[in-house]
């Protein structure tokens, strides 16, 4: 296996792991936020704002790996 093939395989595995981790993290975050809202409905706005910011940070990980994949795809 040459360097290009190893790099392609590594990038594909890293992207898959990042997407899987991001999906698990988003599922846990949304589940916790919905549980918190159901227990305390008057805090809906604060919880949703924190959820949106947290989801953006979680998705950023996958986007960084995707950018890395595109960056190394041409090499």
PDB file of N, CA and C in Angstrom:
ATOM      1  N   UNK A   1       0.853  -1.170   0.000  1.00  0.00           N
ATOM      2  CA  UNK A   1       0.000   0.000   0.000  1.00  0.00           C
ATOM      3  C   UNK A   1       0.902   1.237   0.000  1.00  0.00           C
ATOM      4  N   UNK A   2       0.676   2.090  -0.953  1.00  0.00           N
ATOM      5  CA  UNK A   2       1.475   3.295  -1.037  1.00  0.00           C
ATOM      6  C   UNK A   2       0.898   4.397  -0.144  1.00  0.00           C
ATOM      7  N   UNK A   3       1.588   5.526  -0.113  1.00  0.00           N
ATOM      8  CA  UNK A   3       1.199   6.624   0.776  1.00  0.00           C
ATOM      9  C   UNK A   3      -0.172   7.183   0.427  1.00  0.00           C
ATOM     10  N   UNK A   4      -0.475   7.331  -0.865  1.00  0.00           N
ATOM     11  CA  UNK A   4      -1.756   7.899  -1.294  1.00  0.00           C
ATOM     12  C   UNK A   4      -2.921   7.024  -0.857  1.00  0.00           C
ATOM     13  N   UNK A   5      -2.785   5.722  -1.026  1.00  0.00           N
ATOM     14  CA  UNK A   5      -3.845   4.806  -0.631  1.00  0.00           C
ATOM     15  C   UNK A   5      -4.033   4.810   0.888  1.00  0.00           C
ATOM     16  N   UNK A   6      -2.943   4.844   1.624  1.00  0.00           N
ATOM     17  CA  UNK A   6      -3.026   4.892   3.085  1.00  0.00           C
ATOM     18  C   UNK A   6      -3.662   6.192   3.551  1.00  0.00           C
ATOM     19  N   UNK A   7      -3.321   7.298   2.907  1.00  0.00           N
ATOM     20  CA  UNK A   7      -3.897   8.588   3.263  1.00  0.00           C
ATOM     21  C   UNK A   7      -5.397   8.604   2.965  1.00  0.00           C
ATOM     22  N   UNK A   8      -5.799   8.080   1.820  1.00  0.00           N
ATOM     23  CA  UNK A   8      -7.224   8.025   1.471  1.00  0.00           C
ATOM     24  C   UNK A   8      -8.008   7.169   2.465  1.00  0.00           C
ATOM     25  N   UNK A   9      -7.452   6.039   2.828  1.00  0.00           N
ATOM     26  CA  UNK A   9      -8.119   5.164   3.785  1.00  0.00           C
ATOM     27  C   UNK A   9      -8.207   5.826   5.159  1.00  0.00           C
ATOM     28  N   UNK A  10      -7.128   6.456   5.588  1.00  0.00           N
ATOM     29  CA  UNK A  10      -7.122   7.136   6.883  1.00  0.00           C
ATOM     30  C   UNK A  10      -8.106   8.287   6.947  1.00  0.00           C
ATOM     31  N   UNK A  11      -8.182   9.062   5.884  1.00  0.00           N
ATOM     32  CA  UNK A  11      -9.118  10.189   5.842  1.00  0.00           C
ATOM     33  C   UNK A  11     -10.555   9.679   5.841  1.00  0.00           C
ATOM     34  N   UNK A  12     -10.831   8.620   5.111  1.00  0.00           N
ATOM     35  CA  UNK A  12     -12.186   8.063   5.083  1.00  0.00           C
ATOM     36  C   UNK A  12     -12.594   7.533   6.455  1.00  0.00           C
ATOM     37  N   UNK A  13     -11.689   6.857   7.130  1.00  0.00           N
ATOM     38  CA  UNK A  13     -11.981   6.344   8.469  1.00  0.00           C
ATOM     39  C   UNK A  13     -12.169   7.487   9.449  1.00  0.00           C
ATOM     40  N   UNK A  14     -11.328   8.507   9.363  1.00  0.00           N
ATOM     41  CA  UNK A  14     -11.453   9.658  10.264  1.00  0.00           C
ATOM     42  C   UNK A  14     -12.764  10.392  10.047  1.00  0.00           C
ATOM     43  N   UNK A  15     -13.181  10.552   8.799  1.00  0.00           N
ATOM     44  CA  UNK A  15     -14.444  11.226   8.507  1.00  0.00           C
ATOM     45  C   UNK A  15     -15.627  10.414   9.026  1.00  0.00           C
ATOM     46  N   UNK A  16     -15.570   9.125   8.853  1.00  0.00           N
ATOM     47  CA  UNK A  16     -16.630   8.260   9.370  1.00  0.00           C
ATOM     48  C   UNK A  16     -16.719   8.300  10.883  1.00  0.00           C
ATOM     49  N   UNK A  17     -15.575   8.262  11.559  1.00  0.00           N
ATOM     50  CA  UNK A  17     -15.575   8.328  13.017  1.00  0.00           C
ATOM     51  C   UNK A  17     -16.068   9.674  13.517  1.00  0.00           C
ATOM     52  N   UNK A  18     -15.685  10.744  12.845  1.00  0.00           N
ATOM     53  CA  UNK A  18     -16.143  12.080  13.246  1.00  0.00           C
ATOM     54  C   UNK A  18     -17.643  12.225  13.046  1.00  0.00           C
ATOM     55  N   UNK A  19     -18.164  11.707  11.945  1.00  0.00           N
ATOM     56  CA  UNK A  19     -19.605  11.779  11.696  1.00  0.00           C
ATOM     57  C   UNK A  19     -20.371  10.939  12.714  1.00  0.00           C
ATOM     58  N   UNK A  20     -19.868   9.761  13.040  1.00  0.00           N
ATOM     59  CA  UNK A  20     -20.518   8.906  14.025  1.00  0.00           C
ATOM     60  C   UNK A  20     -20.497   9.557  15.409  1.00  0.00           C
ATOM     61  N   UNK A  21     -19.353  10.096  15.797  1.00  0.00           N
ATOM     62  CA  UNK A  21     -19.253  10.770  17.095  1.00  0.00           C
ATOM     63  C   UNK A  21     -20.135  12.000  17.169  1.00  0.00           C
ATOM     64  N   UNK A  22     -20.195  12.729  16.078  1.00  0.00           N
ATOM     65  CA  UNK A  22     -21.049  13.912  16.030  1.00  0.00           C
ATOM     66  C   UNK A  22     -22.521  13.528  16.143  1.00  0.00           C
ATOM     67  N   UNK A  23     -22.925  12.464  15.483  1.00  0.00           N
ATOM     68  CA  UNK A  23     -24.318  12.019  15.557  1.00  0.00           C
ATOM     69  C   UNK A  23     -24.677  11.566  16.969  1.00  0.00           C
ATOM     70  N   UNK A  24     -23.786  10.835  17.606  1.00  0.00           N
ATOM     71  CA  UNK A  24     -24.035  10.403  18.981  1.00  0.00           C
ATOM     72  C   UNK A  24     -24.112  11.610  19.905  1.00  0.00           C
ATOM     73  N   UNK A  25     -23.180  12.542  19.758  1.00  0.00           N
ATOM     74  CA  UNK A  25     -23.173  13.746  20.595  1.00  0.00           C
ATOM     75  C   UNK A  25     -24.415  14.594  20.410  1.00  0.00           C
ATOM     76  N   UNK A  26     -24.838  14.763  19.170  1.00  0.00           N
ATOM     77  CA  UNK A  26     -26.056  15.534  18.903  1.00  0.00           C
ATOM     78  C   UNK A  26     -27.293  14.839  19.477  1.00  0.00           C
ATOM     79  N   UNK A  27     -27.343  13.551  19.367  1.00  0.00           N
ATOM     80  CA  UNK A  27     -28.476  12.811  19.926  1.00  0.00           C
ATOM     81  C   UNK A  27     -28.561  12.955  21.437  1.00  0.00           C
ATOM     82  N   UNK A  28     -27.443  12.855  22.103  1.00  0.00           N
ATOM     83  CA  UNK A  28     -27.423  13.005  23.554  1.00  0.00           C
ATOM     84  C   UNK A  28     -27.785  14.433  23.949  1.00  0.00           C
ATOM     85  N   UNK A  29     -27.245  15.414  23.234  1.00  0.00           N
ATOM     86  CA  UNK A  29     -27.518  16.817  23.560  1.00  0.00           C
ATOM     87  C   UNK A  29     -28.992  17.156  23.375  1.00  0.00           C
ATOM     88  N   UNK A  30     -29.573  16.744  22.259  1.00  0.00           N
ATOM     89  CA  UNK A  30     -30.977  17.046  22.001  1.00  0.00           C
ATOM     90  C   UNK A  30     -31.874  16.313  22.993  1.00  0.00           C
ATOM     91  N   UNK A  31     -31.544  15.077  23.292  1.00  0.00           N
ATOM     92  CA  UNK A  31     -32.325  14.315  24.256  1.00  0.00           C
ATOM     93  C   UNK A  31     -32.295  14.980  25.633  1.00  0.00           C
ATOM     94  N   UNK A  32     -31.128  15.411  26.054  1.00  0.00           N
ATOM     95  CA  UNK A  32     -31.015  16.085  27.354  1.00  0.00           C
ATOM     96  C   UNK A  32     -31.753  17.413  27.362  1.00  0.00           C
ATOM     97  N   UNK A  33     -31.668  18.157  26.274  1.00  0.00           N
ATOM     98  CA  UNK A  33     -32.362  19.446  26.205  1.00  0.00           C
ATOM     99  C   UNK A  33     -33.869  19.260  26.228  1.00  0.00           C
ATOM    100  N   UNK A  34     -34.379  18.270  25.511  1.00  0.00           N
ATOM    101  CA  UNK A  34     -35.821  18.037  25.521  1.00  0.00           C
ATOM    102  C   UNK A  34     -36.295  17.586  26.896  1.00  0.00           C
ATOM    103  N   UNK A  35     -35.487  16.787  27.581  1.00  0.00           N
ATOM    104  CA  UNK A  35     -35.827  16.380  28.939  1.00  0.00           C
ATOM    105  C   UNK A  35     -35.830  17.565  29.893  1.00  0.00           C
ATOM    106  N   UNK A  36     -34.861  18.461  29.735  1.00  0.00           N
ATOM    107  CA  UNK A  36     -34.802  19.651  30.589  1.00  0.00           C
ATOM    108  C   UNK A  36     -35.976  20.584  30.328  1.00  0.00           C
ATOM    109  N   UNK A  37     -36.350  20.731  29.069  1.00  0.00           N
ATOM    110  CA  UNK A  37     -37.492  21.592  28.737  1.00  0.00           C
ATOM    111  C   UNK A  37     -38.789  21.003  29.286  1.00  0.00           C
ATOM    112  N   UNK A  38     -38.909  19.672  29.235  1.00  0.00           N
ATOM    113  CA  UNK A  38     -40.139  19.065  29.755  1.00  0.00           C
ATOM    114  C   UNK A  38     -40.231  19.188  31.273  1.00  0.00           C
ATOM    115  N   UNK A  39     -39.090  19.235  31.960  1.00  0.00           N
ATOM    116  CA  UNK A  39     -39.111  19.405  33.403  1.00  0.00           C
ATOM    117  C   UNK A  39     -39.302  20.849  33.824  1.00  0.00           C
ATOM    118  N   UNK A  40     -38.799  21.784  33.007  1.00  0.00           N
ATOM    119  CA  UNK A  40     -38.867  23.198  33.360  1.00  0.00           C
ATOM    120  C   UNK A  40     -39.182  24.017  32.100  1.00  0.00           C
ATOM    121  N   UNK A  41     -40.437  24.075  31.699  1.00  0.00           N
ATOM    122  CA  UNK A  41     -40.817  24.735  30.446  1.00  0.00           C
ATOM    123  C   UNK A  41     -40.526  26.236  30.418  1.00  0.00           C
ATOM    124  N   UNK A  42     -40.498  26.892  31.565  1.00  0.00           N
ATOM    125  CA  UNK A  42     -40.253  28.337  31.564  1.00  0.00           C
ATOM    126  C   UNK A  42     -38.810  28.691  31.199  1.00  0.00           C
ATOM    127  N   UNK A  43     -37.903  27.722  31.229  1.00  0.00           N
ATOM    128  CA  UNK A  43     -36.511  27.963  30.854  1.00  0.00           C
ATOM    129  C   UNK A  43     -36.249  27.572  29.399  1.00  0.00           C
ATOM    130  N   UNK A  44     -37.293  27.508  28.594  1.00  0.00           N
ATOM    131  CA  UNK A  44     -37.193  27.060  27.206  1.00  0.00           C
ATOM    132  C   UNK A  44     -36.182  27.874  26.405  1.00  0.00           C
ATOM    133  N   UNK A  45     -36.238  29.199  26.494  1.00  0.00           N
ATOM    134  CA  UNK A  45     -35.354  30.043  25.676  1.00  0.00           C
ATOM    135  C   UNK A  45     -33.883  29.852  26.036  1.00  0.00           C
ATOM    136  N   UNK A  46     -33.576  29.790  27.325  1.00  0.00           N
ATOM    137  CA  UNK A  46     -32.178  29.592  27.739  1.00  0.00           C
ATOM    138  C   UNK A  46     -31.660  28.223  27.305  1.00  0.00           C
ATOM    139  N   UNK A  47     -32.483  27.207  27.463  1.00  0.00           N
ATOM    140  CA  UNK A  47     -32.062  25.853  27.101  1.00  0.00           C
ATOM    141  C   UNK A  47     -31.860  25.745  25.595  1.00  0.00           C
ATOM    142  N   UNK A  48     -32.777  26.316  24.822  1.00  0.00           N
ATOM    143  CA  UNK A  48     -32.661  26.228  23.363  1.00  0.00           C
ATOM    144  C   UNK A  48     -31.438  26.989  22.851  1.00  0.00           C
ATOM    145  N   UNK A  49     -31.147  28.140  23.457  1.00  0.00           N
ATOM    146  CA  UNK A  49     -29.967  28.895  23.033  1.00  0.00           C
ATOM    147  C   UNK A  49     -28.695  28.096  23.314  1.00  0.00           C
ATOM    148  N   UNK A  50     -28.621  27.503  24.496  1.00  0.00           N
ATOM    149  CA  UNK A  50     -27.457  26.674  24.826  1.00  0.00           C
ATOM    150  C   UNK A  50     -27.369  25.459  23.909  1.00  0.00           C
ATOM    151  N   UNK A  51     -28.514  24.882  23.580  1.00  0.00           N
ATOM    152  CA  UNK A  51     -28.534  23.722  22.686  1.00  0.00           C
ATOM    153  C   UNK A  51     -28.032  24.088  21.298  1.00  0.00           C
ATOM    154  N   UNK A  52     -28.469  25.212  20.782  1.00  0.00           N
ATOM    155  CA  UNK A  52     -28.054  25.623  19.439  1.00  0.00           C
ATOM    156  C   UNK A  52     -26.550  25.886  19.395  1.00  0.00           C
ATOM    157  N   UNK A  53     -26.025  26.558  20.402  1.00  0.00           N
ATOM    158  CA  UNK A  53     -24.580  26.821  20.446  1.00  0.00           C
ATOM    159  C   UNK A  53     -23.804  25.508  20.581  1.00  0.00           C
ATOM    160  N   UNK A  54     -24.275  24.624  21.449  1.00  0.00           N
ATOM    161  CA  UNK A  54     -23.614  23.326  21.612  1.00  0.00           C
ATOM    162  C   UNK A  54     -23.642  22.493  20.351  1.00  0.00           C
ATOM    163  N   UNK A  55     -24.773  22.485  19.659  1.00  0.00           N
ATOM    164  CA  UNK A  55     -24.869  21.732  18.406  1.00  0.00           C
ATOM    165  C   UNK A  55     -23.930  22.294  17.339  1.00  0.00           C
ATOM    166  N   UNK A  56     -23.770  23.605  17.330  1.00  0.00           N
ATOM    167  CA  UNK A  56     -22.840  24.219  16.371  1.00  0.00           C
ATOM    168  C   UNK A  56     -21.408  23.771  16.649  1.00  0.00           C
ATOM    169  N   UNK A  57     -21.033  23.705  17.914  1.00  0.00           N
ATOM    170  CA  UNK A  57     -19.686  23.242  18.256  1.00  0.00           C
ATOM    171  C   UNK A  57     -19.499  21.764  17.926  1.00  0.00           C
ATOM    172  N   UNK A  58     -20.524  20.968  18.157  1.00  0.00           N
ATOM    173  CA  UNK A  58     -20.431  19.541  17.843  1.00  0.00           C
ATOM    174  C   UNK A  58     -20.289  19.342  16.328  1.00  0.00           C
ATOM    175  N   UNK A  59     -21.077  20.069  15.549  1.00  0.00           N
ATOM    176  CA  UNK A  59     -21.005  19.948  14.096  1.00  0.00           C
ATOM    177  C   UNK A  59     -19.680  20.484  13.548  1.00  0.00           C
ATOM    178  N   UNK A  60     -19.062  21.418  14.249  1.00  0.00           N
ATOM    179  CA  UNK A  60     -17.786  21.974  13.790  1.00  0.00           C
ATOM    180  C   UNK A  60     -16.715  20.899  13.681  1.00  0.00           C
ATOM    181  N   UNK A  61     -16.757  19.917  14.568  1.00  0.00           N
ATOM    182  CA  UNK A  61     -15.773  18.838  14.522  1.00  0.00           C
ATOM    183  C   UNK A  61     -15.870  18.094  13.194  1.00  0.00           C
ATOM    184  N   UNK A  62     -17.081  17.748  12.796  1.00  0.00           N
ATOM    185  CA  UNK A  62     -17.272  17.035  11.536  1.00  0.00           C
ATOM    186  C   UNK A  62     -16.874  17.903  10.351  1.00  0.00           C
ATOM    187  N   UNK A  63     -17.181  19.171  10.412  1.00  0.00           N
ATOM    188  CA  UNK A  63     -16.819  20.074   9.315  1.00  0.00           C
ATOM    189  C   UNK A  63     -15.308  20.204   9.199  1.00  0.00           C
ATOM    190  N   UNK A  64     -14.594  20.264  10.337  1.00  0.00           N
ATOM    191  CA  UNK A  64     -13.132  20.329  10.290  1.00  0.00           C
ATOM    192  C   UNK A  64     -12.545  19.088   9.633  1.00  0.00           C
ATOM    193  N   UNK A  65     -13.079  17.927   9.960  1.00  0.00           N
ATOM    194  CA  UNK A  65     -12.582  16.688   9.352  1.00  0.00           C
ATOM    195  C   UNK A  65     -12.922  16.653   7.870  1.00  0.00           C
ATOM    196  N   UNK A  66     -14.095  17.158   7.489  1.00  0.00           N
ATOM    197  CA  UNK A  66     -14.466  17.205   6.078  1.00  0.00           C
ATOM    198  C   UNK A  66     -13.534  18.128   5.297  1.00  0.00           C
ATOM    199  N   UNK A  67     -13.197  19.262   5.867  1.00  0.00           N
ATOM    200  CA  UNK A  67     -12.236  20.173   5.221  1.00  0.00           C
ATOM    201  C   UNK A  67     -10.878  19.491   5.095  1.00  0.00           C
ATOM    202  N   UNK A  68     -10.469  18.784   6.137  1.00  0.00           N
ATOM    203  CA  UNK A  68      -9.213  18.030   6.099  1.00  0.00           C
ATOM    204  C   UNK A  68      -9.255  16.983   4.987  1.00  0.00           C
ATOM    205  N   UNK A  69     -10.402  16.317   4.819  1.00  0.00           N
ATOM    206  CA  UNK A  69     -10.536  15.291   3.779  1.00  0.00           C
ATOM    207  C   UNK A  69     -10.414  15.909   2.386  1.00  0.00           C
ATOM    208  N   UNK A  70     -11.072  17.056   2.170  1.00  0.00           N
ATOM    209  CA  UNK A  70     -10.961  17.715   0.881  1.00  0.00           C
ATOM    210  C   UNK A  70      -9.549  18.243   0.643  1.00  0.00           C
ATOM    211  N   UNK A  71      -8.903  18.689   1.689  1.00  0.00           N
ATOM    212  CA  UNK A  71      -7.553  19.231   1.556  1.00  0.00           C
ATOM    213  C   UNK A  71      -6.562  18.145   1.123  1.00  0.00           C
ATOM    214  N   UNK A  72      -6.713  16.956   1.697  1.00  0.00           N
ATOM    215  CA  UNK A  72      -5.775  15.884   1.381  1.00  0.00           C
ATOM    216  C   UNK A  72      -6.246  14.991   0.234  1.00  0.00           C
ATOM    217  N   UNK A  73      -7.434  15.198  -0.288  1.00  0.00           N
ATOM    218  CA  UNK A  73      -7.930  14.388  -1.390  1.00  0.00           C
ATOM    219  C   UNK A  73      -7.139  14.642  -2.668  1.00  0.00           C
ATOM    220  N   UNK A  74      -6.664  15.863  -2.850  1.00  0.00           N
ATOM    221  CA  UNK A  74      -5.930  16.201  -4.056  1.00  0.00           C
ATOM    222  C   UNK A  74      -4.453  15.883  -3.998  1.00  0.00           C
ATOM    223  N   UNK A  75      -3.941  15.488  -2.856  1.00  0.00           N
ATOM    224  CA  UNK A  75      -2.495  15.237  -2.734  1.00  0.00           C
ATOM    225  C   UNK A  75      -2.143  13.813  -3.030  1.00  0.00           C
TER     226      UNK A  75
END
